[in-house]
Amino acid sequence: MSIDRTTAARVAKLARIAVPEDALPKLADELNGILSFMEQLNEVDVEGVEPMTSVTPMALPQREDVVTDGDQQAKVLANAPDAREGFFAVPKVVE
């Protein structure tokens, strides 16, 4: 697949990027380079390769989901500039 100047202009418009007319040939060349690299990646044999979430195998630490330090509403709200009925009060920002 090859991208010409017209296609590069259309891609720039769809991406809402202002590209001057004299920069369109360079943009088309760069997009063609990206597409050729993607074609190279398609040639790689990945049969039997497990998907990865990280380049190093790791297990995230797990802990019990229990409340360890609750029931401190008064202490939490003590430094609030404005607290009402047990909640932080903030000024209205949307009319």
PDB file of N, CA and C in Angstrom:
ATOM      1  N   MET A   1       0.844  -1.173   0.000  1.00  0.00           N
ATOM      2  CA  MET A   1       0.000   0.000   0.000  1.00  0.00           C
ATOM      3  C   MET A   1       0.890   1.237   0.000  1.00  0.00           C
ATOM      4  N   SER A   2       0.543   2.197  -0.828  1.00  0.00           N
ATOM      5  CA  SER A   2       1.332   3.417  -0.927  1.00  0.00           C
ATOM      6  C   SER A   2       0.427   4.622  -0.695  1.00  0.00           C
ATOM      7  N   ILE A   3       0.932   5.575   0.041  1.00  0.00           N
ATOM      8  CA  ILE A   3       0.167   6.788   0.335  1.00  0.00           C
ATOM      9  C   ILE A   3       0.718   7.915  -0.523  1.00  0.00           C
ATOM     10  N   ASP A   4      -0.177   8.558  -1.265  1.00  0.00           N
ATOM     11  CA  ASP A   4       0.231   9.680  -2.086  1.00  0.00           C
ATOM     12  C   ASP A   4      -0.096  10.992  -1.366  1.00  0.00           C
ATOM     13  N   ARG A   5       0.164  12.077  -2.035  1.00  0.00           N
ATOM     14  CA  ARG A   5      -0.033  13.401  -1.447  1.00  0.00           C
ATOM     15  C   ARG A   5      -1.493  13.650  -1.084  1.00  0.00           C
ATOM     16  N   THR A   6      -2.418  13.225  -1.927  1.00  0.00           N
ATOM     17  CA  THR A   6      -3.851  13.420  -1.681  1.00  0.00           C
ATOM     18  C   THR A   6      -4.302  12.648  -0.447  1.00  0.00           C
ATOM     19  N   THR A   7      -3.840  11.419  -0.329  1.00  0.00           N
ATOM     20  CA  THR A   7      -4.206  10.602   0.831  1.00  0.00           C
ATOM     21  C   THR A   7      -3.612  11.183   2.105  1.00  0.00           C
ATOM     22  N   ALA A   8      -2.390  11.691   2.023  1.00  0.00           N
ATOM     23  CA  ALA A   8      -1.763  12.307   3.186  1.00  0.00           C
ATOM     24  C   ALA A   8      -2.557  13.536   3.630  1.00  0.00           C
ATOM     25  N   ALA A   9      -3.044  14.309   2.684  1.00  0.00           N
ATOM     26  CA  ALA A   9      -3.861  15.483   3.014  1.00  0.00           C
ATOM     27  C   ALA A   9      -5.168  15.052   3.679  1.00  0.00           C
ATOM     28  N   ARG A  10      -5.752  13.978   3.189  1.00  0.00           N
ATOM     29  CA  ARG A  10      -7.007  13.482   3.781  1.00  0.00           C
ATOM     30  C   ARG A  10      -6.773  12.954   5.194  1.00  0.00           C
ATOM     31  N   VAL A  11      -5.671  12.243   5.409  1.00  0.00           N
ATOM     32  CA  VAL A  11      -5.340  11.736   6.742  1.00  0.00           C
ATOM     33  C   VAL A  11      -5.123  12.908   7.705  1.00  0.00           C
ATOM     34  N   ALA A  12      -4.429  13.943   7.252  1.00  0.00           N
ATOM     35  CA  ALA A  12      -4.195  15.120   8.096  1.00  0.00           C
ATOM     36  C   ALA A  12      -5.516  15.800   8.438  1.00  0.00           C
ATOM     37  N   LYS A  13      -6.403  15.878   7.474  1.00  0.00           N
ATOM     38  CA  LYS A  13      -7.708  16.500   7.727  1.00  0.00           C
ATOM     39  C   LYS A  13      -8.515  15.678   8.722  1.00  0.00           C
ATOM     40  N   LEU A  14      -8.517  14.364   8.562  1.00  0.00           N
ATOM     41  CA  LEU A  14      -9.262  13.500   9.481  1.00  0.00           C
ATOM     42  C   LEU A  14      -8.689  13.559  10.894  1.00  0.00           C
ATOM     43  N   ALA A  15      -7.371  13.755  11.000  1.00  0.00           N
ATOM     44  CA  ALA A  15      -6.726  13.861  12.303  1.00  0.00           C
ATOM     45  C   ALA A  15      -6.793  15.288  12.843  1.00  0.00           C
ATOM     46  N   ARG A  16      -7.393  16.177  12.073  1.00  0.00           N
ATOM     47  CA  ARG A  16      -7.508  17.590  12.439  1.00  0.00           C
ATOM     48  C   ARG A  16      -6.139  18.224  12.716  1.00  0.00           C
ATOM     49  N   ILE A  17      -5.208  17.927  11.793  1.00  0.00           N
ATOM     50  CA  ILE A  17      -3.860  18.486  11.871  1.00  0.00           C
ATOM     51  C   ILE A  17      -3.664  19.419  10.673  1.00  0.00           C
ATOM     52  N   ALA A  18      -3.267  20.633  10.934  1.00  0.00           N
ATOM     53  CA  ALA A  18      -3.010  21.582   9.852  1.00  0.00           C
ATOM     54  C   ALA A  18      -1.631  21.301   9.266  1.00  0.00           C
ATOM     55  N   VAL A  19      -1.624  20.855   8.020  1.00  0.00           N
ATOM     56  CA  VAL A  19      -0.358  20.556   7.340  1.00  0.00           C
ATOM     57  C   VAL A  19      -0.274  21.443   6.099  1.00  0.00           C
ATOM     58  N   PRO A  20       0.765  22.262   5.998  1.00  0.00           N
ATOM     59  CA  PRO A  20       0.908  23.103   4.800  1.00  0.00           C
ATOM     60  C   PRO A  20       1.100  22.247   3.547  1.00  0.00           C
ATOM     61  N   GLU A  21       0.709  22.804   2.411  1.00  0.00           N
ATOM     62  CA  GLU A  21       0.806  22.078   1.135  1.00  0.00           C
ATOM     63  C   GLU A  21       2.229  21.609   0.837  1.00  0.00           C
ATOM     64  N   ASP A  22       3.215  22.420   1.177  1.00  0.00           N
ATOM     65  CA  ASP A  22       4.598  22.045   0.852  1.00  0.00           C
ATOM     66  C   ASP A  22       5.124  20.932   1.773  1.00  0.00           C
ATOM     67  N   ALA A  23       4.442  20.638   2.887  1.00  0.00           N
ATOM     68  CA  ALA A  23       4.877  19.577   3.799  1.00  0.00           C
ATOM     69  C   ALA A  23       4.176  18.252   3.525  1.00  0.00           C
ATOM     70  N   LEU A  24       3.209  18.241   2.610  1.00  0.00           N
ATOM     71  CA  LEU A  24       2.465  17.003   2.324  1.00  0.00           C
ATOM     72  C   LEU A  24       3.334  15.888   1.736  1.00  0.00           C
ATOM     73  N   PRO A  25       4.273  16.175   0.813  1.00  0.00           N
ATOM     74  CA  PRO A  25       5.108  15.078   0.309  1.00  0.00           C
ATOM     75  C   PRO A  25       5.945  14.413   1.411  1.00  0.00           C
ATOM     76  N   LYS A  26       6.481  15.211   2.342  1.00  0.00           N
ATOM     77  CA  LYS A  26       7.258  14.639   3.438  1.00  0.00           C
ATOM     78  C   LYS A  26       6.368  13.793   4.341  1.00  0.00           C
ATOM     79  N   LEU A  27       5.135  14.272   4.608  1.00  0.00           N
ATOM     80  CA  LEU A  27       4.192  13.509   5.429  1.00  0.00           C
ATOM     81  C   LEU A  27       3.848  12.185   4.751  1.00  0.00           C
ATOM     82  N   ALA A  28       3.639  12.225   3.432  1.00  0.00           N
ATOM     83  CA  ALA A  28       3.338  10.999   2.697  1.00  0.00           C
ATOM     84  C   ALA A  28       4.498  10.011   2.789  1.00  0.00           C
ATOM     85  N   ASP A  29       5.739  10.497   2.684  1.00  0.00           N
ATOM     86  CA  ASP A  29       6.908   9.618   2.809  1.00  0.00           C
ATOM     87  C   ASP A  29       6.989   8.994   4.198  1.00  0.00           C
ATOM     88  N   GLU A  30       6.727   9.804   5.236  1.00  0.00           N
ATOM     89  CA  GLU A  30       6.777   9.279   6.597  1.00  0.00           C
ATOM     90  C   GLU A  30       5.689   8.228   6.825  1.00  0.00           C
ATOM     91  N   LEU A  31       4.484   8.479   6.316  1.00  0.00           N
ATOM     92  CA  LEU A  31       3.402   7.496   6.461  1.00  0.00           C
ATOM     93  C   LEU A  31       3.730   6.210   5.698  1.00  0.00           C
ATOM     94  N   ASN A  32       4.355   6.341   4.526  1.00  0.00           N
ATOM     95  CA  ASN A  32       4.771   5.152   3.779  1.00  0.00           C
ATOM     96  C   ASN A  32       5.824   4.361   4.548  1.00  0.00           C
ATOM     97  N   GLY A  33       6.742   5.070   5.232  1.00  0.00           N
ATOM     98  CA  GLY A  33       7.738   4.384   6.055  1.00  0.00           C
ATOM     99  C   GLY A  33       7.095   3.609   7.195  1.00  0.00           C
ATOM    100  N   ILE A  34       6.088   4.205   7.818  1.00  0.00           N
ATOM    101  CA  ILE A  34       5.375   3.523   8.906  1.00  0.00           C
ATOM    102  C   ILE A  34       4.672   2.284   8.383  1.00  0.00           C
ATOM    103  N   LEU A  35       4.014   2.418   7.231  1.00  0.00           N
ATOM    104  CA  LEU A  35       3.311   1.262   6.655  1.00  0.00           C
ATOM    105  C   LEU A  35       4.274   0.154   6.250  1.00  0.00           C
ATOM    106  N   SER A  36       5.444   0.515   5.744  1.00  0.00           N
ATOM    107  CA  SER A  36       6.401  -0.525   5.356  1.00  0.00           C
ATOM    108  C   SER A  36       6.939  -1.249   6.587  1.00  0.00           C
ATOM    109  N   PHE A  37       7.120  -0.518   7.695  1.00  0.00           N
ATOM    110  CA  PHE A  37       7.549  -1.172   8.926  1.00  0.00           C
ATOM    111  C   PHE A  37       6.460  -2.109   9.437  1.00  0.00           C
ATOM    112  N   MET A  38       5.211  -1.704   9.335  1.00  0.00           N
ATOM    113  CA  MET A  38       4.110  -2.580   9.755  1.00  0.00           C
ATOM    114  C   MET A  38       4.057  -3.847   8.898  1.00  0.00           C
ATOM    115  N   GLU A  39       4.364  -3.720   7.614  1.00  0.00           N
ATOM    116  CA  GLU A  39       4.410  -4.898   6.744  1.00  0.00           C
ATOM    117  C   GLU A  39       5.521  -5.842   7.185  1.00  0.00           C
ATOM    118  N   GLN A  40       6.659  -5.295   7.616  1.00  0.00           N
ATOM    119  CA  GLN A  40       7.745  -6.132   8.132  1.00  0.00           C
ATOM    120  C   GLN A  40       7.293  -6.869   9.385  1.00  0.00           C
ATOM    121  N   LEU A  41       6.569  -6.187  10.263  1.00  0.00           N
ATOM    122  CA  LEU A  41       6.087  -6.828  11.486  1.00  0.00           C
ATOM    123  C   LEU A  41       5.102  -7.951  11.180  1.00  0.00           C
ATOM    124  N   ASN A  42       4.316  -7.795  10.117  1.00  0.00           N
ATOM    125  CA  ASN A  42       3.360  -8.840   9.739  1.00  0.00           C
ATOM    126  C   ASN A  42       4.061 -10.115   9.284  1.00  0.00           C
ATOM    127  N   GLU A  43       5.332 -10.025   8.873  1.00  0.00           N
ATOM    128  CA  GLU A  43       6.072 -11.195   8.417  1.00  0.00           C
ATOM    129  C   GLU A  43       6.635 -12.025   9.569  1.00  0.00           C
ATOM    130  N   VAL A  44       6.617 -11.477  10.777  1.00  0.00           N
ATOM    131  CA  VAL A  44       7.178 -12.179  11.934  1.00  0.00           C
ATOM    132  C   VAL A  44       6.247 -13.320  12.333  1.00  0.00           C
ATOM    133  N   ASP A  45       6.841 -14.524  12.551  1.00  0.00           N
ATOM    134  CA  ASP A  45       6.063 -15.684  12.962  1.00  0.00           C
ATOM    135  C   ASP A  45       5.854 -15.631  14.478  1.00  0.00           C
ATOM    136  N   VAL A  46       4.607 -15.445  14.895  1.00  0.00           N
ATOM    137  CA  VAL A  46       4.287 -15.363  16.316  1.00  0.00           C
ATOM    138  C   VAL A  46       3.422 -16.547  16.757  1.00  0.00           C
ATOM    139  N   GLU A  47       3.436 -17.592  15.988  1.00  0.00           N
ATOM    140  CA  GLU A  47       2.656 -18.793  16.325  1.00  0.00           C
ATOM    141  C   GLU A  47       3.143 -19.385  17.641  1.00  0.00           C
ATOM    142  N   GLY A  48       2.255 -19.561  18.582  1.00  0.00           N
ATOM    143  CA  GLY A  48       2.588 -20.168  19.851  1.00  0.00           C
ATOM    144  C   GLY A  48       3.170 -19.205  20.877  1.00  0.00           C
ATOM    145  N   VAL A  49       3.256 -17.923  20.547  1.00  0.00           N
ATOM    146  CA  VAL A  49       3.791 -16.942  21.483  1.00  0.00           C
ATOM    147  C   VAL A  49       2.637 -16.414  22.332  1.00  0.00           C
ATOM    148  N   GLU A  50       2.793 -16.516  23.641  1.00  0.00           N
ATOM    149  CA  GLU A  50       1.750 -16.048  24.552  1.00  0.00           C
ATOM    150  C   GLU A  50       1.739 -14.514  24.597  1.00  0.00           C
ATOM    151  N   PRO A  51       0.558 -13.903  24.661  1.00  0.00           N
ATOM    152  CA  PRO A  51       0.497 -12.442  24.807  1.00  0.00           C
ATOM    153  C   PRO A  51       1.128 -12.005  26.126  1.00  0.00           C
ATOM    154  N   MET A  52       1.738 -10.817  26.119  1.00  0.00           N
ATOM    155  CA  MET A  52       2.416 -10.324  27.320  1.00  0.00           C
ATOM    156  C   MET A  52       1.769  -9.024  27.791  1.00  0.00           C
ATOM    157  N   THR A  53       1.843  -8.778  29.090  1.00  0.00           N
ATOM    158  CA  THR A  53       1.454  -7.478  29.629  1.00  0.00           C
ATOM    159  C   THR A  53       2.675  -6.702  30.056  1.00  0.00           C
ATOM    160  N   SER A  54       3.809  -7.360  30.133  1.00  0.00           N
ATOM    161  CA  SER A  54       5.058  -6.711  30.522  1.00  0.00           C
ATOM    162  C   SER A  54       6.213  -7.499  29.908  1.00  0.00           C
ATOM    163  N   VAL A  55       7.368  -6.852  29.779  1.00  0.00           N
ATOM    164  CA  VAL A  55       8.523  -7.542  29.223  1.00  0.00           C
ATOM    165  C   VAL A  55       9.197  -8.437  30.242  1.00  0.00           C
ATOM    166  N   THR A  56       8.896  -8.245  31.514  1.00  0.00           N
ATOM    167  CA  THR A  56       9.443  -9.108  32.555  1.00  0.00           C
ATOM    168  C   THR A  56       8.297  -9.801  33.273  1.00  0.00           C
ATOM    169  N   PRO A  57       8.427 -11.096  33.519  1.00  0.00           N
ATOM    170  CA  PRO A  57       7.350 -11.786  34.229  1.00  0.00           C
ATOM    171  C   PRO A  57       7.281 -11.318  35.676  1.00  0.00           C
ATOM    172  N   MET A  58       6.087 -10.970  36.110  1.00  0.00           N
ATOM    173  CA  MET A  58       5.933 -10.520  37.490  1.00  0.00           C
ATOM    174  C   MET A  58       4.517 -10.821  37.959  1.00  0.00           C
ATOM    175  N   ALA A  59       4.381 -10.982  39.249  1.00  0.00           N
ATOM    176  CA  ALA A  59       3.079 -11.171  39.860  1.00  0.00           C
ATOM    177  C   ALA A  59       2.835 -10.009  40.811  1.00  0.00           C
ATOM    178  N   LEU A  60       1.671  -9.397  40.689  1.00  0.00           N
ATOM    179  CA  LEU A  60       1.360  -8.283  41.563  1.00  0.00           C
ATOM    180  C   LEU A  60       0.989  -8.791  42.946  1.00  0.00           C
ATOM    181  N   PRO A  61       1.432  -8.089  43.975  1.00  0.00           N
ATOM    182  CA  PRO A  61       1.097  -8.533  45.330  1.00  0.00           C
ATOM    183  C   PRO A  61      -0.405  -8.402  45.583  1.00  0.00           C
ATOM    184  N   GLN A  62      -0.960  -9.388  46.240  1.00  0.00           N
ATOM    185  CA  GLN A  62      -2.388  -9.397  46.569  1.00  0.00           C
ATOM    186  C   GLN A  62      -2.534  -9.266  48.076  1.00  0.00           C
ATOM    187  N   ARG A  63      -3.593  -8.634  48.521  1.00  0.00           N
ATOM    188  CA  ARG A  63      -3.860  -8.537  49.946  1.00  0.00           C
ATOM    189  C   ARG A  63      -5.354  -8.737  50.172  1.00  0.00           C
ATOM    190  N   GLU A  64      -5.695  -9.022  51.396  1.00  0.00           N
ATOM    191  CA  GLU A  64      -7.095  -9.178  51.759  1.00  0.00           C
ATOM    192  C   GLU A  64      -7.802  -7.830  51.637  1.00  0.00           C
ATOM    193  N   ASP A  65      -9.031  -7.847  51.199  1.00  0.00           N
ATOM    194  CA  ASP A  65      -9.819  -6.634  51.074  1.00  0.00           C
ATOM    195  C   ASP A  65     -10.637  -6.442  52.347  1.00  0.00           C
ATOM    196  N   VAL A  66      -9.968  -5.925  53.357  1.00  0.00           N
ATOM    197  CA  VAL A  66     -10.631  -5.712  54.639  1.00  0.00           C
ATOM    198  C   VAL A  66     -10.387  -4.267  55.091  1.00  0.00           C
ATOM    199  N   VAL A  67     -11.327  -3.745  55.871  1.00  0.00           N
ATOM    200  CA  VAL A  67     -11.174  -2.412  56.423  1.00  0.00           C
ATOM    201  C   VAL A  67     -10.200  -2.499  57.585  1.00  0.00           C
ATOM    202  N   THR A  68      -9.131  -1.712  57.501  1.00  0.00           N
ATOM    203  CA  THR A  68      -8.112  -1.783  58.541  1.00  0.00           C
ATOM    204  C   THR A  68      -8.102  -0.563  59.444  1.00  0.00           C
ATOM    205  N   ASP A  69      -8.623   0.564  58.975  1.00  0.00           N
ATOM    206  CA  ASP A  69      -8.533   1.776  59.770  1.00  0.00           C
ATOM    207  C   ASP A  69      -9.711   2.692  59.430  1.00  0.00           C
ATOM    208  N   GLY A  70     -10.899   2.249  59.670  1.00  0.00           N
ATOM    209  CA  GLY A  70     -12.068   3.035  59.336  1.00  0.00           C
ATOM    210  C   GLY A  70     -12.617   3.785  60.530  1.00  0.00           C
ATOM    211  N   ASP A  71     -13.794   4.328  60.352  1.00  0.00           N
ATOM    212  CA  ASP A  71     -14.523   5.005  61.412  1.00  0.00           C
ATOM    213  C   ASP A  71     -13.743   6.201  61.966  1.00  0.00           C
ATOM    214  N   GLN A  72     -13.156   7.014  61.053  1.00  0.00           N
ATOM    215  CA  GLN A  72     -12.403   8.193  61.475  1.00  0.00           C
ATOM    216  C   GLN A  72     -12.916   9.439  60.753  1.00  0.00           C
ATOM    217  N   GLN A  73     -14.211   9.512  60.551  1.00  0.00           N
ATOM    218  CA  GLN A  73     -14.794  10.614  59.802  1.00  0.00           C
ATOM    219  C   GLN A  73     -14.472  11.968  60.434  1.00  0.00           C
ATOM    220  N   ALA A  74     -14.571  12.080  61.736  1.00  0.00           N
ATOM    221  CA  ALA A  74     -14.312  13.361  62.404  1.00  0.00           C
ATOM    222  C   ALA A  74     -12.862  13.798  62.202  1.00  0.00           C
ATOM    223  N   LYS A  75     -11.895  12.869  62.290  1.00  0.00           N
ATOM    224  CA  LYS A  75     -10.484  13.212  62.096  1.00  0.00           C
ATOM    225  C   LYS A  75     -10.210  13.644  60.655  1.00  0.00           C
ATOM    226  N   VAL A  76     -10.853  12.965  59.704  1.00  0.00           N
ATOM    227  CA  VAL A  76     -10.641  13.294  58.294  1.00  0.00           C
ATOM    228  C   VAL A  76     -11.180  14.682  57.993  1.00  0.00           C
ATOM    229  N   LEU A  77     -12.347  15.012  58.519  1.00  0.00           N
ATOM    230  CA  LEU A  77     -12.975  16.298  58.236  1.00  0.00           C
ATOM    231  C   LEU A  77     -12.452  17.436  59.110  1.00  0.00           C
ATOM    232  N   ALA A  78     -11.586  17.153  60.068  1.00  0.00           N
ATOM    233  CA  ALA A  78     -11.098  18.176  60.991  1.00  0.00           C
ATOM    234  C   ALA A  78     -10.353  19.294  60.272  1.00  0.00           C
ATOM    235  N   ASN A  79      -9.619  18.997  59.233  1.00  0.00           N
ATOM    236  CA  ASN A  79      -8.844  20.016  58.515  1.00  0.00           C
ATOM    237  C   ASN A  79      -9.566  20.579  57.302  1.00  0.00           C
ATOM    238  N   ALA A  80     -10.793  20.164  57.065  1.00  0.00           N
ATOM    239  CA  ALA A  80     -11.541  20.654  55.909  1.00  0.00           C
ATOM    240  C   ALA A  80     -11.930  22.114  56.127  1.00  0.00           C
ATOM    241  N   PRO A  81     -11.767  22.957  55.114  1.00  0.00           N
ATOM    242  CA  PRO A  81     -12.178  24.347  55.270  1.00  0.00           C
ATOM    243  C   PRO A  81     -13.682  24.479  55.499  1.00  0.00           C
ATOM    244  N   ASP A  82     -14.465  23.589  54.901  1.00  0.00           N
ATOM    245  CA  ASP A  82     -15.911  23.641  55.059  1.00  0.00           C
ATOM    246  C   ASP A  82     -16.450  22.216  54.987  1.00  0.00           C
ATOM    247  N   ALA A  83     -17.015  21.748  56.082  1.00  0.00           N
ATOM    248  CA  ALA A  83     -17.600  20.409  56.128  1.00  0.00           C
ATOM    249  C   ALA A  83     -19.026  20.536  56.631  1.00  0.00           C
ATOM    250  N   ARG A  84     -19.937  19.834  55.947  1.00  0.00           N
ATOM    251  CA  ARG A  84     -21.347  19.870  56.336  1.00  0.00           C
ATOM    252  C   ARG A  84     -21.919  18.462  56.314  1.00  0.00           C
ATOM    253  N   GLU A  85     -22.616  18.121  57.368  1.00  0.00           N
ATOM    254  CA  GLU A  85     -23.326  16.841  57.476  1.00  0.00           C
ATOM    255  C   GLU A  85     -22.399  15.652  57.213  1.00  0.00           C
ATOM    256  N   GLY A  86     -21.148  15.758  57.619  1.00  0.00           N
ATOM    257  CA  GLY A  86     -20.214  14.652  57.488  1.00  0.00           C
ATOM    258  C   GLY A  86     -19.549  14.532  56.129  1.00  0.00           C
ATOM    259  N   PHE A  87     -19.618  15.589  55.304  1.00  0.00           N
ATOM    260  CA  PHE A  87     -19.017  15.556  53.973  1.00  0.00           C
ATOM    261  C   PHE A  87     -18.192  16.816  53.754  1.00  0.00           C
ATOM    262  N   PHE A  88     -17.258  16.777  52.797  1.00  0.00           N
ATOM    263  CA  PHE A  88     -16.551  17.974  52.387  1.00  0.00           C
ATOM    264  C   PHE A  88     -17.539  18.852  51.625  1.00  0.00           C
ATOM    265  N   ALA A  89     -17.555  20.138  51.913  1.00  0.00           N
ATOM    266  CA  ALA A  89     -18.406  21.069  51.177  1.00  0.00           C
ATOM    267  C   ALA A  89     -17.509  21.877  50.234  1.00  0.00           C
ATOM    268  N   VAL A  90     -17.914  21.934  48.973  1.00  0.00           N
ATOM    269  CA  VAL A  90     -17.132  22.659  47.981  1.00  0.00           C
ATOM    270  C   VAL A  90     -18.047  23.666  47.291  1.00  0.00           C
ATOM    271  N   PRO A  91     -17.468  24.768  46.806  1.00  0.00           N
ATOM    272  CA  PRO A  91     -18.315  25.765  46.129  1.00  0.00           C
ATOM    273  C   PRO A  91     -18.843  25.233  44.799  1.00  0.00           C
ATOM    274  N   LYS A  92     -20.009  25.716  44.427  1.00  0.00           N
ATOM    275  CA  LYS A  92     -20.623  25.321  43.159  1.00  0.00           C
ATOM    276  C   LYS A  92     -19.798  25.880  42.005  1.00  0.00           C
ATOM    277  N   VAL A  93     -19.471  25.049  41.023  1.00  0.00           N
ATOM    278  CA  VAL A  93     -18.643  25.500  39.902  1.00  0.00           C
ATOM    279  C   VAL A  93     -19.392  25.447  38.574  1.00  0.00           C
ATOM    280  N   VAL A  94     -20.561  24.811  38.555  1.00  0.00           N
ATOM    281  CA  VAL A  94     -21.358  24.716  37.321  1.00  0.00           C
ATOM    282  C   VAL A  94     -22.684  25.400  37.561  1.00  0.00           C
ATOM    283  N   GLU A  95     -23.049  26.273  36.672  1.00  0.00           N
ATOM    284  CA  GLU A  95     -24.337  26.977  36.815  1.00  0.00           C
ATOM    285  C   GLU A  95     -25.455  26.143  36.261  1.00  0.00           C
TER     286      GLU A  95
END
